[in-house]
Amino acid sequence: MSSYTYEEIREVVCKWCKELENDNRFVMKVVTDSIDAFIVNFDFECCVAQLCVNVPDFAPYRFVCFEACRTDDDRMYFFYDDITMKKDDVIRFLNESVEFCVKRGDSRV
């Protein structure tokens, strides 16, 4: 079982997003902020991405999903949390997700 509840991870991810508000490497727009879901769209120079925190009825993730598509080379990236993760793991993977989107050309994360 995961070491966090939906409410706990939602709060942690919202705080993480708040800390990124002044990052000039991308534009971030919160499109849904309700008790049932927190959804953020990211627009990078060469990548588009979406972060979702919710309780899905059927999905390959527990509560957190980050999906991205690079526009310069069509590479895809995704992160899905699972029941083995801790809150720190989720934040680490979200940071790696942003780095994937920021990198240009053939650079790999």
N, C-alpha and C. Protein backbone atom coordinates (compact mmCIF):
# COMPACT_ATOMS: atom_id res chain seq x y z
N MET A 1 0.84 -1.18 0.00
CA MET A 1 0.00 0.00 0.00
C MET A 1 0.89 1.25 0.00
N SER A 2 0.46 2.29 -0.72
CA SER A 2 1.26 3.51 -0.78
C SER A 2 1.30 4.19 0.59
N SER A 3 2.32 5.00 0.75
CA SER A 3 2.50 5.66 2.05
C SER A 3 1.79 7.01 2.11
N TYR A 4 0.87 7.25 1.19
CA TYR A 4 0.14 8.51 1.19
C TYR A 4 -1.29 8.30 0.70
N THR A 5 -2.13 9.22 1.13
CA THR A 5 -3.53 9.22 0.67
C THR A 5 -3.65 10.20 -0.50
N TYR A 6 -4.79 10.18 -1.15
CA TYR A 6 -5.05 11.13 -2.24
C TYR A 6 -4.90 12.56 -1.72
N GLU A 7 -5.50 12.86 -0.60
CA GLU A 7 -5.46 14.22 -0.07
C GLU A 7 -4.03 14.66 0.23
N GLU A 8 -3.23 13.74 0.78
CA GLU A 8 -1.84 14.07 1.10
C GLU A 8 -1.02 14.34 -0.16
N ILE A 9 -1.14 13.47 -1.17
CA ILE A 9 -0.32 13.65 -2.37
C ILE A 9 -0.81 14.85 -3.17
N ARG A 10 -2.10 15.12 -3.15
CA ARG A 10 -2.62 16.30 -3.83
C ARG A 10 -2.02 17.56 -3.22
N GLU A 11 -1.97 17.63 -1.91
CA GLU A 11 -1.38 18.78 -1.22
C GLU A 11 0.10 18.94 -1.57
N VAL A 12 0.84 17.84 -1.57
CA VAL A 12 2.27 17.87 -1.89
C VAL A 12 2.50 18.33 -3.32
N VAL A 13 1.72 17.81 -4.25
CA VAL A 13 1.88 18.19 -5.66
C VAL A 13 1.47 19.65 -5.88
N CYS A 14 0.43 20.09 -5.24
CA CYS A 14 0.02 21.51 -5.34
C CYS A 14 1.14 22.42 -4.83
N LYS A 15 1.77 22.04 -3.74
CA LYS A 15 2.89 22.82 -3.20
C LYS A 15 4.05 22.82 -4.18
N TRP A 16 4.35 21.67 -4.78
CA TRP A 16 5.42 21.56 -5.78
C TRP A 16 5.12 22.51 -6.94
N CYS A 17 3.90 22.53 -7.42
CA CYS A 17 3.53 23.43 -8.52
C CYS A 17 3.69 24.89 -8.11
N LYS A 18 3.29 25.20 -6.91
CA LYS A 18 3.42 26.58 -6.41
C LYS A 18 4.88 27.02 -6.44
N GLU A 19 5.78 26.11 -6.08
CA GLU A 19 7.21 26.42 -6.08
C GLU A 19 7.75 26.64 -7.50
N LEU A 20 7.06 26.12 -8.50
CA LEU A 20 7.50 26.26 -9.89
C LEU A 20 6.92 27.49 -10.58
N GLU A 21 6.07 28.22 -9.92
CA GLU A 21 5.36 29.34 -10.55
C GLU A 21 6.28 30.36 -11.22
N ASN A 22 7.43 30.60 -10.67
CA ASN A 22 8.34 31.61 -11.22
C ASN A 22 9.42 31.02 -12.11
N ASP A 23 9.30 29.77 -12.47
CA ASP A 23 10.27 29.12 -13.37
C ASP A 23 10.00 29.62 -14.78
N ASN A 24 10.96 30.29 -15.38
CA ASN A 24 10.75 30.88 -16.70
C ASN A 24 11.05 29.93 -17.86
N ARG A 25 11.28 28.65 -17.58
CA ARG A 25 11.55 27.69 -18.65
C ARG A 25 10.27 27.16 -19.28
N PHE A 26 9.12 27.51 -18.73
CA PHE A 26 7.85 27.00 -19.23
C PHE A 26 6.70 27.86 -18.73
N VAL A 27 5.55 27.65 -19.36
CA VAL A 27 4.31 28.27 -18.90
C VAL A 27 3.47 27.16 -18.27
N MET A 28 2.96 27.43 -17.11
CA MET A 28 2.17 26.45 -16.38
C MET A 28 0.79 27.04 -16.14
N LYS A 29 -0.25 26.27 -16.46
CA LYS A 29 -1.62 26.76 -16.26
C LYS A 29 -2.45 25.70 -15.54
N VAL A 30 -2.97 26.06 -14.39
CA VAL A 30 -3.87 25.17 -13.66
C VAL A 30 -5.23 25.24 -14.36
N VAL A 31 -5.68 24.10 -14.86
CA VAL A 31 -6.97 24.08 -15.57
C VAL A 31 -8.10 23.53 -14.71
N THR A 32 -7.76 22.74 -13.71
CA THR A 32 -8.76 22.23 -12.76
C THR A 32 -8.15 22.21 -11.37
N ASP A 33 -8.84 22.79 -10.43
CA ASP A 33 -8.40 22.77 -9.04
C ASP A 33 -9.64 22.58 -8.18
N SER A 34 -10.04 21.34 -8.05
CA SER A 34 -11.23 21.01 -7.26
C SER A 34 -10.86 19.92 -6.27
N ILE A 35 -11.79 19.58 -5.44
CA ILE A 35 -11.54 18.53 -4.46
C ILE A 35 -11.30 17.17 -5.13
N ASP A 36 -11.87 17.00 -6.33
CA ASP A 36 -11.77 15.72 -7.04
C ASP A 36 -10.58 15.61 -7.97
N ALA A 37 -10.02 16.75 -8.37
CA ALA A 37 -8.91 16.70 -9.34
C ALA A 37 -8.11 17.99 -9.32
N PHE A 38 -6.82 17.82 -9.59
CA PHE A 38 -5.90 18.94 -9.79
C PHE A 38 -5.19 18.66 -11.11
N ILE A 39 -5.42 19.51 -12.11
CA ILE A 39 -4.88 19.29 -13.45
C ILE A 39 -4.14 20.54 -13.90
N VAL A 40 -2.91 20.32 -14.38
CA VAL A 40 -2.06 21.43 -14.80
C VAL A 40 -1.52 21.13 -16.20
N ASN A 41 -1.62 22.12 -17.09
CA ASN A 41 -1.01 22.02 -18.40
C ASN A 41 0.31 22.77 -18.40
N PHE A 42 1.32 22.19 -19.04
CA PHE A 42 2.64 22.80 -19.15
C PHE A 42 2.94 23.02 -20.63
N ASP A 43 3.52 24.17 -20.91
CA ASP A 43 3.92 24.49 -22.27
C ASP A 43 5.40 24.88 -22.23
N PHE A 44 6.25 23.98 -22.73
CA PHE A 44 7.69 24.19 -22.79
C PHE A 44 8.05 24.62 -24.21
N GLU A 45 9.29 25.02 -24.41
CA GLU A 45 9.72 25.44 -25.74
C GLU A 45 9.54 24.32 -26.77
N CYS A 46 9.87 23.10 -26.39
CA CYS A 46 9.81 21.97 -27.33
C CYS A 46 9.01 20.80 -26.78
N CYS A 47 8.04 21.08 -25.92
CA CYS A 47 7.31 19.99 -25.27
C CYS A 47 5.99 20.53 -24.72
N VAL A 48 4.98 19.67 -24.74
CA VAL A 48 3.72 19.97 -24.04
C VAL A 48 3.48 18.83 -23.07
N ALA A 49 2.88 19.16 -21.93
CA ALA A 49 2.69 18.13 -20.90
C ALA A 49 1.46 18.45 -20.08
N GLN A 50 0.99 17.40 -19.40
CA GLN A 50 -0.14 17.57 -18.48
C GLN A 50 0.13 16.74 -17.23
N LEU A 51 -0.18 17.35 -16.10
CA LEU A 51 -0.08 16.70 -14.80
C LEU A 51 -1.49 16.57 -14.25
N CYS A 52 -1.85 15.36 -13.83
CA CYS A 52 -3.16 15.11 -13.23
C CYS A 52 -2.98 14.46 -11.86
N VAL A 53 -3.71 14.95 -10.91
CA VAL A 53 -3.79 14.31 -9.60
C VAL A 53 -5.28 14.09 -9.34
N ASN A 54 -5.66 12.83 -9.27
CA ASN A 54 -7.07 12.50 -9.05
C ASN A 54 -7.16 11.06 -8.57
N VAL A 55 -8.38 10.62 -8.34
CA VAL A 55 -8.63 9.22 -8.00
C VAL A 55 -9.35 8.61 -9.21
N PRO A 56 -8.58 8.00 -10.09
CA PRO A 56 -9.19 7.49 -11.33
C PRO A 56 -10.03 6.24 -11.09
N ASP A 57 -11.06 6.10 -11.90
CA ASP A 57 -11.85 4.86 -11.85
C ASP A 57 -11.05 3.70 -12.44
N PHE A 58 -10.35 4.00 -13.53
CA PHE A 58 -9.54 2.98 -14.19
C PHE A 58 -8.39 3.68 -14.88
N ALA A 59 -7.17 3.42 -14.43
CA ALA A 59 -6.00 4.06 -15.02
C ALA A 59 -4.75 3.29 -14.59
N PRO A 60 -3.64 3.52 -15.30
CA PRO A 60 -2.39 2.83 -14.94
C PRO A 60 -1.63 3.51 -13.80
N TYR A 61 -2.27 4.41 -13.08
CA TYR A 61 -1.61 5.09 -11.97
C TYR A 61 -2.53 5.11 -10.76
N ARG A 62 -1.93 5.39 -9.62
CA ARG A 62 -2.70 5.44 -8.38
C ARG A 62 -3.42 6.79 -8.23
N PHE A 63 -2.63 7.88 -8.17
CA PHE A 63 -3.20 9.22 -8.02
C PHE A 63 -2.56 10.26 -8.95
N VAL A 64 -1.29 10.05 -9.34
CA VAL A 64 -0.52 11.07 -10.05
C VAL A 64 -0.10 10.57 -11.43
N CYS A 65 -0.34 11.42 -12.42
CA CYS A 65 -0.01 11.10 -13.80
C CYS A 65 0.62 12.33 -14.45
N PHE A 66 1.81 12.17 -15.05
CA PHE A 66 2.45 13.24 -15.82
C PHE A 66 2.76 12.66 -17.18
N GLU A 67 2.18 13.26 -18.22
CA GLU A 67 2.40 12.78 -19.59
C GLU A 67 2.90 13.94 -20.43
N ALA A 68 3.91 13.66 -21.28
CA ALA A 68 4.51 14.72 -22.09
C ALA A 68 4.83 14.20 -23.48
N CYS A 69 4.80 15.14 -24.42
CA CYS A 69 5.18 14.84 -25.80
C CYS A 69 6.09 15.96 -26.28
N ARG A 70 7.26 15.58 -26.74
CA ARG A 70 8.20 16.56 -27.29
C ARG A 70 7.75 16.92 -28.70
N THR A 71 7.86 18.17 -29.03
CA THR A 71 7.46 18.62 -30.36
C THR A 71 8.64 18.68 -31.33
N ASP A 72 9.86 18.57 -30.82
CA ASP A 72 11.03 18.64 -31.69
C ASP A 72 11.45 17.27 -32.22
N ASP A 73 11.08 16.21 -31.53
CA ASP A 73 11.48 14.87 -32.00
C ASP A 73 10.43 13.80 -31.72
N ASP A 74 9.25 14.18 -31.28
CA ASP A 74 8.11 13.28 -31.07
C ASP A 74 8.32 12.22 -30.00
N ARG A 75 9.33 12.38 -29.14
CA ARG A 75 9.48 11.44 -28.03
C ARG A 75 8.38 11.68 -27.01
N MET A 76 7.94 10.60 -26.40
CA MET A 76 6.90 10.65 -25.37
C MET A 76 7.54 10.35 -24.02
N TYR A 77 6.93 10.85 -22.98
CA TYR A 77 7.40 10.59 -21.63
C TYR A 77 6.17 10.49 -20.74
N PHE A 78 6.23 9.59 -19.79
CA PHE A 78 5.14 9.54 -18.82
C PHE A 78 5.67 9.09 -17.48
N PHE A 79 4.99 9.54 -16.44
CA PHE A 79 5.24 9.09 -15.08
C PHE A 79 3.89 8.79 -14.46
N TYR A 80 3.77 7.61 -13.89
CA TYR A 80 2.57 7.21 -13.16
C TYR A 80 3.01 6.74 -11.78
N ASP A 81 2.38 7.26 -10.74
CA ASP A 81 2.72 6.76 -9.41
C ASP A 81 2.09 5.38 -9.21
N ASP A 82 2.57 4.68 -8.20
CA ASP A 82 2.01 3.37 -7.88
C ASP A 82 2.01 3.17 -6.37
N ILE A 83 1.50 2.05 -5.95
CA ILE A 83 1.30 1.83 -4.51
C ILE A 83 2.60 1.64 -3.73
N THR A 84 3.73 1.47 -4.40
CA THR A 84 5.00 1.29 -3.70
C THR A 84 5.71 2.60 -3.41
N MET A 85 5.22 3.69 -3.94
CA MET A 85 5.92 4.98 -3.85
C MET A 85 5.62 5.74 -2.57
N LYS A 86 6.59 6.58 -2.25
CA LYS A 86 6.44 7.55 -1.16
C LYS A 86 6.29 8.94 -1.78
N LYS A 87 5.89 9.90 -0.98
CA LYS A 87 5.70 11.26 -1.49
C LYS A 87 6.98 11.81 -2.11
N ASP A 88 8.12 11.56 -1.49
CA ASP A 88 9.40 12.04 -2.03
C ASP A 88 9.70 11.43 -3.39
N ASP A 89 9.30 10.18 -3.60
CA ASP A 89 9.49 9.53 -4.90
C ASP A 89 8.70 10.26 -5.98
N VAL A 90 7.48 10.61 -5.66
CA VAL A 90 6.62 11.30 -6.62
C VAL A 90 7.25 12.64 -7.02
N ILE A 91 7.71 13.40 -6.04
CA ILE A 91 8.33 14.70 -6.33
C ILE A 91 9.60 14.52 -7.14
N ARG A 92 10.40 13.52 -6.83
CA ARG A 92 11.62 13.26 -7.60
C ARG A 92 11.28 12.96 -9.06
N PHE A 93 10.27 12.13 -9.28
CA PHE A 93 9.87 11.80 -10.65
C PHE A 93 9.24 13.00 -11.37
N LEU A 94 8.52 13.83 -10.65
CA LEU A 94 7.97 15.03 -11.27
C LEU A 94 9.09 15.98 -11.70
N ASN A 95 10.12 16.10 -10.87
CA ASN A 95 11.28 16.93 -11.24
C ASN A 95 11.97 16.36 -12.48
N GLU A 96 12.12 15.03 -12.54
CA GLU A 96 12.71 14.40 -13.72
C GLU A 96 11.83 14.63 -14.95
N SER A 97 10.53 14.63 -14.76
CA SER A 97 9.61 14.87 -15.86
C SER A 97 9.80 16.26 -16.45
N VAL A 98 9.94 17.25 -15.58
CA VAL A 98 10.18 18.62 -16.05
C VAL A 98 11.50 18.69 -16.79
N GLU A 99 12.53 18.04 -16.28
CA GLU A 99 13.83 18.06 -16.95
C GLU A 99 13.76 17.43 -18.33
N PHE A 100 12.99 16.36 -18.49
CA PHE A 100 12.80 15.76 -19.81
C PHE A 100 12.22 16.80 -20.76
N CYS A 101 11.27 17.55 -20.30
CA CYS A 101 10.59 18.53 -21.15
C CYS A 101 11.48 19.73 -21.47
N VAL A 102 12.39 20.07 -20.60
CA VAL A 102 13.25 21.23 -20.80
C VAL A 102 14.40 20.91 -21.76
N LYS A 103 14.91 19.70 -21.72
CA LYS A 103 16.04 19.31 -22.56
C LYS A 103 15.69 19.44 -24.03
N ARG A 104 16.68 19.80 -24.85
CA ARG A 104 16.47 19.97 -26.29
C ARG A 104 17.21 18.90 -27.08
N GLY A 105 16.73 18.66 -28.29
CA GLY A 105 17.43 17.79 -29.24
C GLY A 105 17.60 16.37 -28.78
N ASP A 106 18.80 15.81 -28.96
CA ASP A 106 19.07 14.41 -28.64
C ASP A 106 19.40 14.18 -27.17
N SER A 107 19.40 15.22 -26.36
CA SER A 107 19.73 15.02 -24.95
C SER A 107 18.71 14.10 -24.30
N ARG A 108 19.18 13.24 -23.46
CA ARG A 108 18.32 12.27 -22.77
C ARG A 108 18.36 12.52 -21.28
N VAL A 109 17.27 12.25 -20.63
CA VAL A 109 17.21 12.37 -19.17
C VAL A 109 17.66 11.06 -18.58
